[in-house]
C-alpha atoms as a PDB file:
ATOM      1  CA  MET A   1      91.844 113.532 122.690  1.00  0.00           C
ATOM      2  CA  LYS A   2      92.703 109.519 123.012  1.00  0.00           C
ATOM      3  CA  ILE A   3      89.256 107.850 123.960  1.00  0.00           C
ATOM      4  CA  LYS A   4      90.028 104.003 125.023  1.00  0.00           C
ATOM      5  CA  THR A   5      89.204 100.660 123.368  1.00  0.00           C
ATOM      6  CA  SER A   6      89.976  97.201 123.135  1.00  0.00           C
ATOM      7  CA  ILE A   7      90.093  95.407 119.963  1.00  0.00           C
ATOM      8  CA  THR A   8      90.155  91.588 119.436  1.00  0.00           C
ATOM      9  CA  LEU A   9      93.991  90.127 116.977  1.00  0.00           C
ATOM     10  CA  SER A  10      95.315  87.230 116.185  1.00  0.00           C
ATOM     11  CA  GLU A  11      97.787  85.841 118.603  1.00  0.00           C
ATOM     12  CA  ASP A  12     100.865  85.952 115.630  1.00  0.00           C
ATOM     13  CA  LEU A  13      99.611  89.070 115.271  1.00  0.00           C
ATOM     14  CA  LEU A  14      99.870  90.472 118.549  1.00  0.00           C
ATOM     15  CA  GLU A  15     102.860  88.890 118.923  1.00  0.00           C
ATOM     16  CA  THR A  16     104.823  90.737 115.625  1.00  0.00           C
ATOM     17  CA  VAL A  17     102.877  93.956 117.369  1.00  0.00           C
ATOM     18  CA  ASP A  18     104.782  93.915 120.324  1.00  0.00           C
ATOM     19  CA  ARG A  19     107.752  92.839 118.704  1.00  0.00           C
ATOM     20  CA  LEU A  20     107.436  96.237 116.362  1.00  0.00           C
ATOM     21  CA  ALA A  21     106.394  98.288 119.352  1.00  0.00           C
ATOM     22  CA  LEU A  22     109.925  98.106 121.084  1.00  0.00           C
ATOM     23  CA  ASP A  23     111.214 101.228 119.429  1.00  0.00           C
ATOM     24  CA  TYR A  24     107.455 103.124 120.604  1.00  0.00           C
ATOM     25  CA  LYS A  25     106.307 104.591 123.556  1.00  0.00           C
ATOM     26  CA  ASN A  26     103.771 101.351 124.037  1.00  0.00           C
ATOM     27  CA  ARG A  27     101.580  99.066 121.674  1.00  0.00           C
ATOM     28  CA  SER A  28      99.256 101.625 121.387  1.00  0.00           C
ATOM     29  CA  GLU A  29     101.228 103.898 119.556  1.00  0.00           C
ATOM     30  CA  PHE A  30     102.245 101.732 117.279  1.00  0.00           C
ATOM     31  CA  ILE A  31      98.808 100.588 116.302  1.00  0.00           C
ATOM     32  CA  GLU A  32      98.019 104.339 115.917  1.00  0.00           C
ATOM     33  CA  PHE A  33     101.220 105.771 113.914  1.00  0.00           C
ATOM     34  CA  ALA A  34     100.807 101.469 111.811  1.00  0.00           C
ATOM     35  CA  LEU A  35      96.912 102.566 111.443  1.00  0.00           C
ATOM     36  CA  ARG A  36      97.202 106.396 110.733  1.00  0.00           C
ATOM     37  CA  LYS A  37      99.986 104.755 107.537  1.00  0.00           C
ATOM     38  CA  MET A  38      97.886 102.127 106.419  1.00  0.00           C
ATOM     39  CA  ILE A  39      95.345 105.290 106.471  1.00  0.00           C
ATOM     40  CA  ALA A  40      97.123 107.040 103.842  1.00  0.00           C
ATOM     41  CA  GLN A  41      98.276 104.603 101.764  1.00  0.00           C
ATOM     42  CA  MET A  42      94.463 103.671 101.405  1.00  0.00           C
ATOM     43  CA  ASN A  43      93.617 106.850 100.540  1.00  0.00           C
ATOM     44  CA  ARG A  44      96.072 107.746  98.254  1.00  0.00           C
ATOM     45  CA  GLU A  45      95.091 104.075  96.315  1.00  0.00           C
ATOM     46  CA  GLN A  46      91.870 105.978  96.080  1.00  0.00           C
ATOM     47  CA  GLN A  47      92.600 109.217  94.836  1.00  0.00           C
ATOM     48  CA  ASP A  48      94.936 106.937  92.338  1.00  0.00           C
ATOM     49  CA  GLU A  49      91.744 105.109  91.256  1.00  0.00           C
ATOM     50  CA  ARG A  50      89.782 107.949  90.497  1.00  0.00           C
ATOM     51  CA  ASP A  51      93.098 110.036  88.611  1.00  0.00           C
ATOM     52  CA  VAL A  52      92.772 106.894  86.649  1.00  0.00           C
ATOM     53  CA  ALA A  53      88.770 106.761  85.823  1.00  0.00           C
ATOM     54  CA  ILE A  54      89.292 110.705  84.848  1.00  0.00           C
ATOM     55  CA  ILE A  55      92.044 109.889  82.613  1.00  0.00           C
ATOM     56  CA  ASN A  56      90.037 106.829  80.612  1.00  0.00           C
ATOM     57  CA  GLN A  57      86.610 109.375  80.549  1.00  0.00           C
ATOM     58  CA  HIS A  58      89.242 111.228  78.439  1.00  0.00           C
ATOM     59  CA  LEU A  59      91.326 108.704  76.889  1.00  0.00           C
ATOM     60  CA  GLU A  60      90.436 109.781  73.136  1.00  0.00           C
ATOM     61  CA  GLU A  61      90.931 113.299  73.670  1.00  0.00           C
ATOM     62  CA  LEU A  62      94.095 113.330  75.545  1.00  0.00           C
ATOM     63  CA  ASN A  63      95.096 110.462  72.688  1.00  0.00           C
ATOM     64  CA  ALA A  64      94.615 113.402  70.116  1.00  0.00           C
ATOM     65  CA  GLU A  65      96.239 115.645  71.663  1.00  0.00           C
ATOM     66  CA  ALA A  66      99.553 113.920  72.170  1.00  0.00           C
ATOM     67  CA  GLU A  67      99.176 113.011  68.490  1.00  0.00           C
ATOM     68  CA  ASP A  68      99.205 116.448  67.729  1.00  0.00           C
ATOM     69  CA  VAL A  69     101.124 117.582  69.725  1.00  0.00           C
ATOM     70  CA  LEU A  70     103.773 115.153  68.285  1.00  0.00           C
ATOM     71  CA  GLU A  71     103.135 116.223  64.576  1.00  0.00           C
ATOM     72  CA  TYR A  72     104.857 119.605  65.684  1.00  0.00           C
ATOM     73  CA  GLN A  73     108.141 117.853  66.774  1.00  0.00           C
ATOM     74  CA  VAL A  74     110.957 119.159  64.493  1.00  0.00           C
ATOM     75  CA  ILE A  75     113.548 115.847  63.966  1.00  0.00           C
ATOM     76  CA  PRO A  76     117.203 116.389  63.095  1.00  0.00           C
END
C-alpha cells in the first residue's frame, strides 16, 4: 500500500534526484528505491556493530582458542 506524503528537499538534491530518476518510472519510485537501499545498508552496519561488540566481549576466549589451535598445526 502506498501512502502519499510530502517532504522538503534542498534544490540541488532535488535536481540530482530528478537526473537519477530518469531510469525509473518517476521520482517517487527512485526515492523509494534509494531509501530502501539506504535502510538496508544502515541495518547491515548496525548488525556489523553488534557482531563486533560480541566478538570484543569474547576476545580473550577467542584468542586463547586460536592460540591453542595454532599449537596443533604441523609445520613441515
